[in-house]
Amino acid sequence: MLKVGLTGGIGAGKSEVSRLLVECGAVLVDADRIAREVVAPGTPGLASVVEAFGTDVLAADGSLDRPRLGSIVFSDPEKLAVLNSIVHPLVGARSRELESAAAADAVVVHDVPLLAENGLAPLYDVVVVVDAAPETQLDRLVRLRGMTEQDARARMAAQATREKRLEIADVVIDNDVPLEDLRRRVLDVWTDLVRRAHAAPGPPK
């Protein structure tokens, strides 16, 4: 099994690359999606969040009111640490479950937005960084996601720098290109990942 960490700045196209890798045959472990699943209604995770922050963080339908919770934790580092102490272990456990269910020769791609920020590169056999110029990121965020330029720049500034992401990269996918070119680049990377998976059998890190 080859454990791949996939990351990239907001607007760089990481989600599209992960989708294309799944088309090629990768097993995807999506950290953001799992983070939502572990605090879904009826889960122990949601019960723990409510115990820590009160019923005010629940929406009318009993689901987690993410904007409300965000307004509480992102302005208070101690409360954010409490939330992370609840959610991160659950995400880690679920990620390991999905990974262990994959075939022994699988290429398992962990889609981790904050891989660089959280110093997670050593957890993976290969780190793939989806890269795009800041001007490209800004254009996509404004044109495709409907953000204001100010909001888009703030979101970009809150992440690791482009240089920091590239420092941890084993493989870089340049996504300043049209979709068809990106598809060809991802296919080349997939061929390389499969080669690595077959060349390095044995227990994962």
N, C-alpha and C. Protein backbone atom coordinates (compact mmCIF):
# COMPACT_ATOMS: atom_id res chain seq x y z
N MET A 1 0.84 -1.20 0.00
CA MET A 1 0.00 0.00 0.00
C MET A 1 0.87 1.25 0.00
N LEU A 2 0.46 2.23 -0.81
CA LEU A 2 1.17 3.50 -0.84
C LEU A 2 0.26 4.56 -0.25
N LYS A 3 0.75 5.24 0.80
CA LYS A 3 -0.02 6.29 1.46
C LYS A 3 0.40 7.63 0.89
N VAL A 4 -0.54 8.29 0.23
CA VAL A 4 -0.27 9.56 -0.44
C VAL A 4 -1.00 10.68 0.29
N GLY A 5 -0.28 11.73 0.62
CA GLY A 5 -0.90 12.93 1.16
C GLY A 5 -1.08 13.93 0.04
N LEU A 6 -2.32 14.36 -0.19
CA LEU A 6 -2.63 15.30 -1.26
C LEU A 6 -3.06 16.63 -0.65
N THR A 7 -2.42 17.70 -1.07
CA THR A 7 -2.79 19.01 -0.53
C THR A 7 -2.60 20.07 -1.60
N GLY A 8 -3.02 21.29 -1.25
CA GLY A 8 -2.90 22.41 -2.17
C GLY A 8 -3.64 23.60 -1.60
N GLY A 9 -3.25 24.79 -2.01
CA GLY A 9 -3.91 25.99 -1.52
C GLY A 9 -5.34 26.10 -2.03
N ILE A 10 -6.15 26.88 -1.34
CA ILE A 10 -7.53 27.09 -1.75
C ILE A 10 -7.57 27.65 -3.17
N GLY A 11 -8.40 27.05 -4.01
CA GLY A 11 -8.49 27.50 -5.40
C GLY A 11 -7.46 26.91 -6.32
N ALA A 12 -6.57 26.06 -5.79
CA ALA A 12 -5.52 25.48 -6.65
C ALA A 12 -6.05 24.32 -7.49
N GLY A 13 -7.18 23.72 -7.06
CA GLY A 13 -7.75 22.62 -7.83
C GLY A 13 -7.54 21.25 -7.21
N LYS A 14 -7.29 21.20 -5.91
CA LYS A 14 -7.03 19.93 -5.24
C LYS A 14 -8.22 18.96 -5.35
N SER A 15 -9.42 19.48 -5.22
CA SER A 15 -10.61 18.62 -5.28
C SER A 15 -10.73 17.97 -6.66
N GLU A 16 -10.43 18.72 -7.70
CA GLU A 16 -10.49 18.17 -9.05
C GLU A 16 -9.43 17.09 -9.23
N VAL A 17 -8.23 17.32 -8.69
CA VAL A 17 -7.17 16.31 -8.78
C VAL A 17 -7.56 15.04 -8.02
N SER A 18 -8.15 15.20 -6.84
CA SER A 18 -8.55 14.01 -6.08
C SER A 18 -9.62 13.23 -6.84
N ARG A 19 -10.54 13.95 -7.50
CA ARG A 19 -11.58 13.28 -8.29
C ARG A 19 -10.96 12.50 -9.45
N LEU A 20 -9.98 13.10 -10.12
CA LEU A 20 -9.32 12.42 -11.23
C LEU A 20 -8.52 11.21 -10.75
N LEU A 21 -7.89 11.31 -9.59
CA LEU A 21 -7.14 10.17 -9.06
C LEU A 21 -8.08 9.02 -8.71
N VAL A 22 -9.25 9.34 -8.19
CA VAL A 22 -10.24 8.28 -7.92
C VAL A 22 -10.67 7.62 -9.23
N GLU A 23 -10.85 8.41 -10.28
CA GLU A 23 -11.18 7.84 -11.59
C GLU A 23 -10.10 6.86 -12.04
N CYS A 24 -8.85 7.17 -11.70
CA CYS A 24 -7.73 6.29 -12.09
C CYS A 24 -7.71 5.00 -11.27
N GLY A 25 -8.29 5.04 -10.07
CA GLY A 25 -8.30 3.85 -9.24
C GLY A 25 -7.84 4.04 -7.81
N ALA A 26 -7.55 5.29 -7.43
CA ALA A 26 -7.11 5.55 -6.06
C ALA A 26 -8.24 5.32 -5.06
N VAL A 27 -7.86 4.95 -3.85
CA VAL A 27 -8.79 4.92 -2.72
C VAL A 27 -8.68 6.27 -2.02
N LEU A 28 -9.77 7.01 -1.95
CA LEU A 28 -9.73 8.36 -1.40
C LEU A 28 -10.17 8.38 0.05
N VAL A 29 -9.36 9.04 0.89
CA VAL A 29 -9.73 9.31 2.28
C VAL A 29 -9.79 10.83 2.41
N ASP A 30 -11.01 11.36 2.48
CA ASP A 30 -11.24 12.81 2.42
C ASP A 30 -11.42 13.35 3.84
N ALA A 31 -10.42 14.06 4.35
CA ALA A 31 -10.44 14.52 5.74
C ALA A 31 -11.62 15.45 6.01
N ASP A 32 -11.93 16.34 5.09
CA ASP A 32 -13.04 17.27 5.29
C ASP A 32 -14.37 16.52 5.38
N ARG A 33 -14.56 15.58 4.49
CA ARG A 33 -15.83 14.82 4.50
C ARG A 33 -15.96 13.99 5.78
N ILE A 34 -14.86 13.38 6.21
CA ILE A 34 -14.90 12.59 7.44
C ILE A 34 -15.18 13.49 8.64
N ALA A 35 -14.60 14.70 8.63
CA ALA A 35 -14.85 15.63 9.74
C ALA A 35 -16.32 15.98 9.86
N ARG A 36 -17.02 16.02 8.74
CA ARG A 36 -18.47 16.25 8.79
C ARG A 36 -19.21 15.02 9.27
N GLU A 37 -18.76 13.85 8.82
CA GLU A 37 -19.44 12.60 9.18
C GLU A 37 -19.37 12.32 10.68
N VAL A 38 -18.24 12.61 11.31
CA VAL A 38 -18.07 12.21 12.72
C VAL A 38 -18.85 13.10 13.68
N VAL A 39 -19.43 14.20 13.16
CA VAL A 39 -20.29 15.04 14.01
C VAL A 39 -21.69 15.14 13.41
N ALA A 40 -22.08 14.12 12.65
CA ALA A 40 -23.43 14.07 12.09
C ALA A 40 -24.43 13.79 13.22
N PRO A 41 -25.71 14.12 13.01
CA PRO A 41 -26.72 13.85 14.05
C PRO A 41 -26.70 12.38 14.49
N GLY A 42 -26.77 12.19 15.80
CA GLY A 42 -26.80 10.84 16.36
C GLY A 42 -25.45 10.24 16.66
N THR A 43 -24.37 10.94 16.31
CA THR A 43 -23.03 10.40 16.54
C THR A 43 -22.51 10.79 17.92
N PRO A 44 -21.62 9.96 18.49
CA PRO A 44 -20.96 10.35 19.74
C PRO A 44 -20.18 11.65 19.59
N GLY A 45 -19.65 11.90 18.39
CA GLY A 45 -18.90 13.12 18.16
C GLY A 45 -19.75 14.36 18.37
N LEU A 46 -20.96 14.35 17.81
CA LEU A 46 -21.84 15.50 17.99
C LEU A 46 -22.24 15.65 19.45
N ALA A 47 -22.50 14.55 20.13
CA ALA A 47 -22.84 14.60 21.55
C ALA A 47 -21.71 15.25 22.35
N SER A 48 -20.47 14.92 22.01
CA SER A 48 -19.32 15.50 22.72
C SER A 48 -19.19 16.99 22.45
N VAL A 49 -19.48 17.40 21.20
CA VAL A 49 -19.42 18.82 20.86
C VAL A 49 -20.49 19.59 21.63
N VAL A 50 -21.69 19.04 21.70
CA VAL A 50 -22.77 19.70 22.43
C VAL A 50 -22.45 19.77 23.92
N GLU A 51 -21.86 18.71 24.45
CA GLU A 51 -21.47 18.71 25.87
C GLU A 51 -20.45 19.81 26.15
N ALA A 52 -19.54 20.05 25.20
CA ALA A 52 -18.49 21.05 25.40
C ALA A 52 -18.98 22.47 25.15
N PHE A 53 -19.90 22.66 24.18
CA PHE A 53 -20.24 24.02 23.75
C PHE A 53 -21.71 24.38 23.96
N GLY A 54 -22.52 23.42 24.37
CA GLY A 54 -23.93 23.72 24.63
C GLY A 54 -24.82 23.53 23.43
N THR A 55 -26.13 23.53 23.67
CA THR A 55 -27.09 23.26 22.60
C THR A 55 -27.22 24.43 21.62
N ASP A 56 -26.61 25.56 21.92
CA ASP A 56 -26.66 26.70 21.00
C ASP A 56 -25.96 26.39 19.67
N VAL A 57 -25.11 25.38 19.65
CA VAL A 57 -24.39 25.05 18.41
C VAL A 57 -25.19 24.10 17.53
N LEU A 58 -26.43 23.80 17.92
CA LEU A 58 -27.28 22.94 17.11
C LEU A 58 -28.24 23.77 16.28
N ALA A 59 -28.44 23.33 15.04
CA ALA A 59 -29.46 23.95 14.18
C ALA A 59 -30.83 23.40 14.58
N ALA A 60 -31.88 23.96 13.99
CA ALA A 60 -33.24 23.57 14.34
C ALA A 60 -33.51 22.09 14.06
N ASP A 61 -32.83 21.52 13.07
CA ASP A 61 -33.05 20.11 12.73
C ASP A 61 -32.17 19.15 13.53
N GLY A 62 -31.41 19.68 14.48
CA GLY A 62 -30.57 18.82 15.31
C GLY A 62 -29.17 18.60 14.78
N SER A 63 -28.88 19.15 13.62
CA SER A 63 -27.53 19.02 13.07
C SER A 63 -26.64 20.12 13.65
N LEU A 64 -25.35 19.99 13.40
CA LEU A 64 -24.40 20.97 13.90
C LEU A 64 -24.52 22.27 13.09
N ASP A 65 -24.67 23.37 13.78
CA ASP A 65 -24.70 24.68 13.14
C ASP A 65 -23.25 25.15 12.99
N ARG A 66 -22.67 24.85 11.85
CA ARG A 66 -21.24 25.10 11.67
C ARG A 66 -20.88 26.59 11.73
N PRO A 67 -21.65 27.48 11.09
CA PRO A 67 -21.31 28.90 11.22
C PRO A 67 -21.34 29.37 12.68
N ARG A 68 -22.32 28.90 13.42
CA ARG A 68 -22.42 29.30 14.84
C ARG A 68 -21.21 28.77 15.62
N LEU A 69 -20.87 27.50 15.42
CA LEU A 69 -19.71 26.93 16.12
C LEU A 69 -18.44 27.65 15.71
N GLY A 70 -18.32 27.94 14.42
CA GLY A 70 -17.13 28.63 13.93
C GLY A 70 -16.96 30.00 14.57
N SER A 71 -18.08 30.71 14.75
CA SER A 71 -17.99 32.04 15.37
C SER A 71 -17.52 31.96 16.81
N ILE A 72 -17.76 30.81 17.44
CA ILE A 72 -17.33 30.62 18.83
C ILE A 72 -15.85 30.25 18.91
N VAL A 73 -15.42 29.31 18.09
CA VAL A 73 -14.08 28.74 18.27
C VAL A 73 -12.98 29.51 17.55
N PHE A 74 -13.27 30.12 16.42
CA PHE A 74 -12.19 30.72 15.65
C PHE A 74 -11.71 32.05 16.23
N SER A 75 -12.43 32.58 17.20
CA SER A 75 -11.97 33.78 17.88
C SER A 75 -11.38 33.46 19.26
N ASP A 76 -11.31 32.17 19.58
CA ASP A 76 -10.84 31.75 20.91
C ASP A 76 -9.97 30.51 20.77
N PRO A 77 -8.65 30.66 20.81
CA PRO A 77 -7.75 29.51 20.61
C PRO A 77 -8.00 28.36 21.58
N GLU A 78 -8.38 28.66 22.82
CA GLU A 78 -8.63 27.59 23.78
C GLU A 78 -9.85 26.77 23.39
N LYS A 79 -10.89 27.43 22.94
CA LYS A 79 -12.09 26.71 22.51
C LYS A 79 -11.84 25.93 21.23
N LEU A 80 -11.04 26.50 20.34
CA LEU A 80 -10.67 25.78 19.12
C LEU A 80 -9.90 24.51 19.48
N ALA A 81 -9.01 24.61 20.46
CA ALA A 81 -8.25 23.43 20.90
C ALA A 81 -9.18 22.37 21.47
N VAL A 82 -10.22 22.79 22.18
CA VAL A 82 -11.20 21.83 22.71
C VAL A 82 -11.91 21.11 21.57
N LEU A 83 -12.35 21.89 20.59
CA LEU A 83 -13.03 21.28 19.44
C LEU A 83 -12.11 20.30 18.72
N ASN A 84 -10.87 20.72 18.48
CA ASN A 84 -9.92 19.84 17.80
C ASN A 84 -9.67 18.56 18.58
N SER A 85 -9.65 18.67 19.92
CA SER A 85 -9.41 17.48 20.75
C SER A 85 -10.55 16.48 20.64
N ILE A 86 -11.73 16.97 20.25
CA ILE A 86 -12.88 16.08 20.05
C ILE A 86 -12.86 15.49 18.64
N VAL A 87 -12.68 16.36 17.65
CA VAL A 87 -12.87 15.95 16.27
C VAL A 87 -11.67 15.21 15.69
N HIS A 88 -10.45 15.69 15.96
CA HIS A 88 -9.28 15.11 15.31
C HIS A 88 -9.09 13.62 15.60
N PRO A 89 -9.24 13.15 16.86
CA PRO A 89 -9.09 11.71 17.09
C PRO A 89 -10.14 10.89 16.34
N LEU A 90 -11.36 11.41 16.22
CA LEU A 90 -12.41 10.70 15.50
C LEU A 90 -12.09 10.62 14.01
N VAL A 91 -11.59 11.72 13.47
CA VAL A 91 -11.21 11.74 12.06
C VAL A 91 -10.05 10.77 11.82
N GLY A 92 -9.08 10.77 12.73
CA GLY A 92 -7.94 9.87 12.59
C GLY A 92 -8.35 8.41 12.63
N ALA A 93 -9.25 8.08 13.55
CA ALA A 93 -9.70 6.70 13.68
C ALA A 93 -10.46 6.25 12.43
N ARG A 94 -11.34 7.12 11.93
CA ARG A 94 -12.11 6.76 10.73
C ARG A 94 -11.20 6.66 9.52
N SER A 95 -10.21 7.54 9.42
CA SER A 95 -9.25 7.48 8.31
C SER A 95 -8.50 6.16 8.32
N ARG A 96 -8.09 5.72 9.51
CA ARG A 96 -7.36 4.45 9.61
C ARG A 96 -8.26 3.27 9.24
N GLU A 97 -9.53 3.36 9.59
CA GLU A 97 -10.48 2.30 9.21
C GLU A 97 -10.57 2.18 7.69
N LEU A 98 -10.73 3.32 7.04
CA LEU A 98 -10.85 3.30 5.58
C LEU A 98 -9.57 2.81 4.93
N GLU A 99 -8.44 3.22 5.48
CA GLU A 99 -7.16 2.80 4.93
C GLU A 99 -6.96 1.29 5.09
N SER A 100 -7.31 0.77 6.27
CA SER A 100 -7.10 -0.66 6.53
C SER A 100 -8.02 -1.53 5.68
N ALA A 101 -9.13 -0.96 5.19
CA ALA A 101 -10.06 -1.72 4.35
C ALA A 101 -9.59 -1.78 2.90
N ALA A 102 -8.59 -0.99 2.56
CA ALA A 102 -8.09 -0.97 1.17
C ALA A 102 -7.23 -2.19 0.89
N ALA A 103 -7.10 -2.52 -0.38
CA ALA A 103 -6.29 -3.66 -0.78
C ALA A 103 -4.82 -3.42 -0.44
N ALA A 104 -4.08 -4.53 -0.31
CA ALA A 104 -2.68 -4.42 0.10
C ALA A 104 -1.83 -3.64 -0.89
N ASP A 105 -2.22 -3.66 -2.17
CA ASP A 105 -1.43 -2.94 -3.19
C ASP A 105 -2.09 -1.63 -3.62
N ALA A 106 -3.03 -1.14 -2.80
CA ALA A 106 -3.78 0.07 -3.17
C ALA A 106 -2.91 1.32 -3.06
N VAL A 107 -3.29 2.32 -3.84
CA VAL A 107 -2.77 3.67 -3.67
C VAL A 107 -3.86 4.44 -2.91
N VAL A 108 -3.58 4.74 -1.64
CA VAL A 108 -4.56 5.42 -0.78
C VAL A 108 -4.21 6.90 -0.72
N VAL A 109 -5.10 7.74 -1.23
CA VAL A 109 -4.87 9.18 -1.28
C VAL A 109 -5.63 9.85 -0.14
N HIS A 110 -4.88 10.48 0.74
CA HIS A 110 -5.47 11.24 1.84
C HIS A 110 -5.55 12.70 1.41
N ASP A 111 -6.77 13.19 1.20
CA ASP A 111 -7.00 14.59 0.82
C ASP A 111 -7.01 15.41 2.10
N VAL A 112 -5.93 16.16 2.33
CA VAL A 112 -5.75 16.87 3.61
C VAL A 112 -5.45 18.35 3.33
N PRO A 113 -6.46 19.22 3.45
CA PRO A 113 -6.24 20.63 3.13
C PRO A 113 -5.11 21.28 3.94
N LEU A 114 -5.01 20.93 5.23
CA LEU A 114 -4.04 21.60 6.11
C LEU A 114 -2.81 20.72 6.36
N LEU A 115 -2.42 19.95 5.39
CA LEU A 115 -1.28 19.04 5.55
C LEU A 115 0.00 19.81 5.89
N ALA A 116 0.26 20.88 5.16
CA ALA A 116 1.48 21.66 5.41
C ALA A 116 1.38 22.40 6.74
N GLU A 117 0.21 23.01 6.98
CA GLU A 117 0.02 23.80 8.19
C GLU A 117 0.21 22.98 9.46
N ASN A 118 -0.23 21.73 9.42
CA ASN A 118 -0.18 20.88 10.62
C ASN A 118 1.03 19.96 10.67
N GLY A 119 1.98 20.13 9.75
CA GLY A 119 3.21 19.34 9.78
C GLY A 119 2.99 17.84 9.62
N LEU A 120 2.08 17.46 8.71
CA LEU A 120 1.69 16.06 8.59
C LEU A 120 2.45 15.28 7.51
N ALA A 121 3.35 15.94 6.81
CA ALA A 121 4.04 15.28 5.69
C ALA A 121 4.70 13.95 6.08
N PRO A 122 5.31 13.81 7.29
CA PRO A 122 5.96 12.54 7.62
C PRO A 122 5.01 11.35 7.72
N LEU A 123 3.71 11.59 7.77
CA LEU A 123 2.75 10.49 7.87
C LEU A 123 2.56 9.74 6.56
N TYR A 124 3.06 10.30 5.46
CA TYR A 124 2.77 9.75 4.15
C TYR A 124 4.03 9.31 3.42
N ASP A 125 3.86 8.32 2.55
CA ASP A 125 4.98 7.84 1.74
C ASP A 125 5.33 8.85 0.66
N VAL A 126 4.31 9.52 0.14
CA VAL A 126 4.50 10.51 -0.93
C VAL A 126 3.56 11.68 -0.65
N VAL A 127 4.07 12.89 -0.78
CA VAL A 127 3.23 14.09 -0.66
C VAL A 127 3.08 14.70 -2.05
N VAL A 128 1.83 14.85 -2.49
CA VAL A 128 1.52 15.46 -3.78
C VAL A 128 0.90 16.83 -3.51
N VAL A 129 1.49 17.85 -4.09
CA VAL A 129 0.99 19.22 -3.92
C VAL A 129 0.43 19.71 -5.25
N VAL A 130 -0.83 20.14 -5.21
CA VAL A 130 -1.44 20.78 -6.37
C VAL A 130 -1.12 22.26 -6.29
N ASP A 131 -0.44 22.76 -7.30
CA ASP A 131 0.07 24.12 -7.26
C ASP A 131 -0.54 24.98 -8.36
N ALA A 132 -0.82 26.23 -7.99
CA ALA A 132 -1.27 27.21 -8.98
C ALA A 132 -0.76 28.57 -8.54
N ALA A 133 -0.57 29.45 -9.47
CA ALA A 133 -0.13 30.80 -9.15
C ALA A 133 -1.20 31.51 -8.31
N PRO A 134 -0.79 32.37 -7.40
CA PRO A 134 -1.76 33.10 -6.58
C PRO A 134 -2.81 33.84 -7.41
N GLU A 135 -2.41 34.37 -8.57
CA GLU A 135 -3.38 35.07 -9.41
C GLU A 135 -4.44 34.11 -9.92
N THR A 136 -4.04 32.86 -10.21
CA THR A 136 -4.99 31.85 -10.67
C THR A 136 -5.95 31.48 -9.54
N GLN A 137 -5.40 31.28 -8.35
CA GLN A 137 -6.24 30.96 -7.20
C GLN A 137 -7.27 32.06 -6.97
N LEU A 138 -6.81 33.31 -6.99
CA LEU A 138 -7.70 34.44 -6.73
C LEU A 138 -8.80 34.51 -7.78
N ASP A 139 -8.45 34.33 -9.03
CA ASP A 139 -9.44 34.37 -10.10
C ASP A 139 -10.50 33.28 -9.92
N ARG A 140 -10.08 32.07 -9.57
CA ARG A 140 -11.03 30.97 -9.40
C ARG A 140 -11.96 31.22 -8.21
N LEU A 141 -11.41 31.74 -7.13
CA LEU A 141 -12.23 31.98 -5.94
C LEU A 141 -13.28 33.05 -6.20
N VAL A 142 -12.91 34.08 -6.92
CA VAL A 142 -13.85 35.17 -7.21
C VAL A 142 -14.83 34.77 -8.30
N ARG A 143 -14.30 34.18 -9.37
CA ARG A 143 -15.13 33.89 -10.55
C ARG A 143 -15.99 32.64 -10.37
N LEU A 144 -15.42 31.61 -9.75
CA LEU A 144 -16.13 30.33 -9.66
C LEU A 144 -16.85 30.13 -8.33
N ARG A 145 -16.31 30.68 -7.26
CA ARG A 145 -16.94 30.48 -5.94
C ARG A 145 -17.72 31.70 -5.46
N GLY A 146 -17.62 32.79 -6.21
CA GLY A 146 -18.42 33.95 -5.86
C GLY A 146 -17.92 34.74 -4.66
N MET A 147 -16.66 34.54 -4.28
CA MET A 147 -16.11 35.30 -3.15
C MET A 147 -15.79 36.73 -3.58
N THR A 148 -15.80 37.64 -2.64
CA THR A 148 -15.24 38.96 -2.91
C THR A 148 -13.73 38.81 -2.96
N GLU A 149 -13.08 39.75 -3.64
CA GLU A 149 -11.61 39.69 -3.71
C GLU A 149 -11.00 39.78 -2.32
N GLN A 150 -11.59 40.59 -1.45
CA GLN A 150 -11.07 40.74 -0.09
C GLN A 150 -11.16 39.42 0.68
N ASP A 151 -12.32 38.75 0.59
CA ASP A 151 -12.49 37.47 1.29
C ASP A 151 -11.54 36.42 0.73
N ALA A 152 -11.40 36.41 -0.58
CA ALA A 152 -10.52 35.42 -1.20
C ALA A 152 -9.08 35.62 -0.76
N ARG A 153 -8.63 36.86 -0.74
CA ARG A 153 -7.25 37.13 -0.31
C ARG A 153 -7.05 36.76 1.15
N ALA A 154 -8.07 37.00 1.98
CA ALA A 154 -7.97 36.65 3.40
C ALA A 154 -7.87 35.14 3.58
N ARG A 155 -8.67 34.39 2.83
CA ARG A 155 -8.61 32.93 2.93
C ARG A 155 -7.26 32.40 2.48
N MET A 156 -6.73 32.97 1.41
CA MET A 156 -5.41 32.55 0.92
C MET A 156 -4.33 32.87 1.94
N ALA A 157 -4.41 34.05 2.55
CA ALA A 157 -3.39 34.48 3.50
C ALA A 157 -3.40 33.64 4.78
N ALA A 158 -4.57 33.05 5.10
CA ALA A 158 -4.69 32.25 6.33
C ALA A 158 -4.04 30.88 6.19
N GLN A 159 -3.72 30.49 4.96
CA GLN A 159 -3.12 29.17 4.74
C GLN A 159 -1.60 29.27 4.69
N ALA A 160 -0.97 28.09 4.63
CA ALA A 160 0.49 28.05 4.45
C ALA A 160 0.86 28.76 3.16
N THR A 161 2.06 29.28 3.12
CA THR A 161 2.51 29.93 1.90
C THR A 161 2.74 28.89 0.80
N ARG A 162 2.72 29.37 -0.42
CA ARG A 162 3.00 28.50 -1.56
C ARG A 162 4.36 27.84 -1.39
N GLU A 163 5.35 28.62 -0.92
CA GLU A 163 6.71 28.09 -0.74
C GLU A 163 6.75 26.97 0.29
N LYS A 164 5.98 27.12 1.37
CA LYS A 164 5.98 26.09 2.41
C LYS A 164 5.38 24.79 1.89
N ARG A 165 4.32 24.89 1.08
CA ARG A 165 3.73 23.69 0.51
C ARG A 165 4.72 23.01 -0.44
N LEU A 166 5.37 23.81 -1.27
CA LEU A 166 6.29 23.21 -2.25
C LEU A 166 7.50 22.57 -1.57
N GLU A 167 7.89 23.08 -0.41
CA GLU A 167 9.03 22.50 0.33
C GLU A 167 8.77 21.05 0.73
N ILE A 168 7.52 20.70 1.02
CA ILE A 168 7.22 19.34 1.50
C ILE A 168 6.80 18.41 0.36
N ALA A 169 6.76 18.92 -0.86
CA ALA A 169 6.24 18.14 -1.98
C ALA A 169 7.25 17.12 -2.49
N ASP A 170 6.79 15.89 -2.68
CA ASP A 170 7.55 14.90 -3.45
C ASP A 170 7.17 14.98 -4.93
N VAL A 171 5.90 15.32 -5.17
CA VAL A 171 5.38 15.46 -6.53
C VAL A 171 4.56 16.74 -6.57
N VAL A 172 4.78 17.55 -7.61
CA VAL A 172 4.02 18.79 -7.79
C VAL A 172 3.19 18.67 -9.06
N ILE A 173 1.90 18.95 -8.95
CA ILE A 173 1.02 19.01 -10.12
C ILE A 173 0.71 20.48 -10.39
N ASP A 174 1.24 20.99 -11.49
CA ASP A 174 1.01 22.38 -11.88
C ASP A 174 -0.39 22.49 -12.47
N ASN A 175 -1.26 23.27 -11.83
CA ASN A 175 -2.64 23.38 -12.30
C ASN A 175 -2.96 24.77 -12.84
N ASP A 176 -1.98 25.42 -13.42
CA ASP A 176 -2.25 26.65 -14.17
C ASP A 176 -2.54 26.28 -15.62
N VAL A 177 -3.42 25.31 -15.81
CA VAL A 177 -3.64 24.75 -17.15
C VAL A 177 -5.13 24.43 -17.33
N PRO A 178 -5.58 24.25 -18.58
CA PRO A 178 -6.95 23.80 -18.82
C PRO A 178 -7.16 22.38 -18.29
N LEU A 179 -8.44 22.01 -18.14
CA LEU A 179 -8.78 20.72 -17.52
C LEU A 179 -8.18 19.54 -18.28
N GLU A 180 -8.20 19.58 -19.59
CA GLU A 180 -7.68 18.44 -20.35
C GLU A 180 -6.18 18.26 -20.10
N ASP A 181 -5.45 19.36 -19.98
CA ASP A 181 -4.03 19.26 -19.66
C ASP A 181 -3.84 18.71 -18.25
N LEU A 182 -4.68 19.17 -17.33
CA LEU A 182 -4.60 18.66 -15.96
C LEU A 182 -4.86 17.17 -15.93
N ARG A 183 -5.83 16.72 -16.70
CA ARG A 183 -6.16 15.29 -16.74
C ARG A 183 -4.94 14.47 -17.17
N ARG A 184 -4.22 14.96 -18.18
CA ARG A 184 -3.02 14.24 -18.65
C ARG A 184 -1.94 14.23 -17.57
N ARG A 185 -1.77 15.35 -16.88
CA ARG A 185 -0.76 15.43 -15.83
C ARG A 185 -1.09 14.48 -14.67
N VAL A 186 -2.36 14.42 -14.31
CA VAL A 186 -2.76 13.52 -13.23
C VAL A 186 -2.54 12.07 -13.64
N LEU A 187 -2.82 11.74 -14.87
CA LEU A 187 -2.59 10.37 -15.34
C LEU A 187 -1.11 10.01 -15.26
N ASP A 188 -0.23 10.95 -15.60
CA ASP A 188 1.21 10.71 -15.47
C ASP A 188 1.59 10.47 -14.01
N VAL A 189 1.03 11.29 -13.11
CA VAL A 189 1.31 11.13 -11.69
C VAL A 189 0.78 9.79 -11.19
N TRP A 190 -0.40 9.41 -11.65
CA TRP A 190 -0.97 8.13 -11.24
C TRP A 190 -0.06 6.97 -11.65
N THR A 191 0.46 7.02 -12.86
CA THR A 191 1.37 5.98 -13.32
C THR A 191 2.59 5.88 -12.40
N ASP A 192 3.09 7.03 -12.00
CA ASP A 192 4.24 7.06 -11.08
C ASP A 192 3.88 6.50 -9.71
N LEU A 193 2.70 6.85 -9.21
CA LEU A 193 2.28 6.36 -7.89
C LEU A 193 2.10 4.84 -7.89
N VAL A 194 1.53 4.32 -8.96
CA VAL A 194 1.36 2.86 -9.06
C VAL A 194 2.73 2.18 -9.10
N ARG A 195 3.66 2.78 -9.84
CA ARG A 195 5.01 2.23 -9.88
C ARG A 195 5.64 2.21 -8.49
N ARG A 196 5.48 3.29 -7.76
CA ARG A 196 6.02 3.37 -6.40
C ARG A 196 5.37 2.33 -5.49
N ALA A 197 4.05 2.16 -5.64
CA ALA A 197 3.34 1.20 -4.80
C ALA A 197 3.86 -0.21 -5.03
N HIS A 198 4.12 -0.55 -6.26
CA HIS A 198 4.59 -1.90 -6.58
C HIS A 198 6.07 -2.08 -6.26
N ALA A 199 6.81 -0.98 -6.26
CA ALA A 199 8.25 -1.07 -6.00
C ALA A 199 8.57 -1.13 -4.51
N ALA A 200 7.62 -0.75 -3.69
CA ALA A 200 7.88 -0.69 -2.25
C ALA A 200 6.83 -1.44 -1.46
N PRO A 201 6.80 -2.78 -1.62
CA PRO A 201 5.84 -3.56 -0.83
C PRO A 201 6.27 -3.57 0.64
N GLY A 202 5.39 -4.04 1.47
CA GLY A 202 5.70 -4.10 2.89
C GLY A 202 4.78 -3.22 3.67
N PRO A 203 4.96 -3.19 4.99
CA PRO A 203 4.04 -2.44 5.84
C PRO A 203 4.13 -0.95 5.59
N PRO A 204 2.98 -0.26 5.63
CA PRO A 204 3.00 1.19 5.48
C PRO A 204 3.62 1.84 6.69
N LYS A 205 3.96 3.11 6.55
CA LYS A 205 4.50 3.84 7.69
C LYS A 205 3.48 3.89 8.82
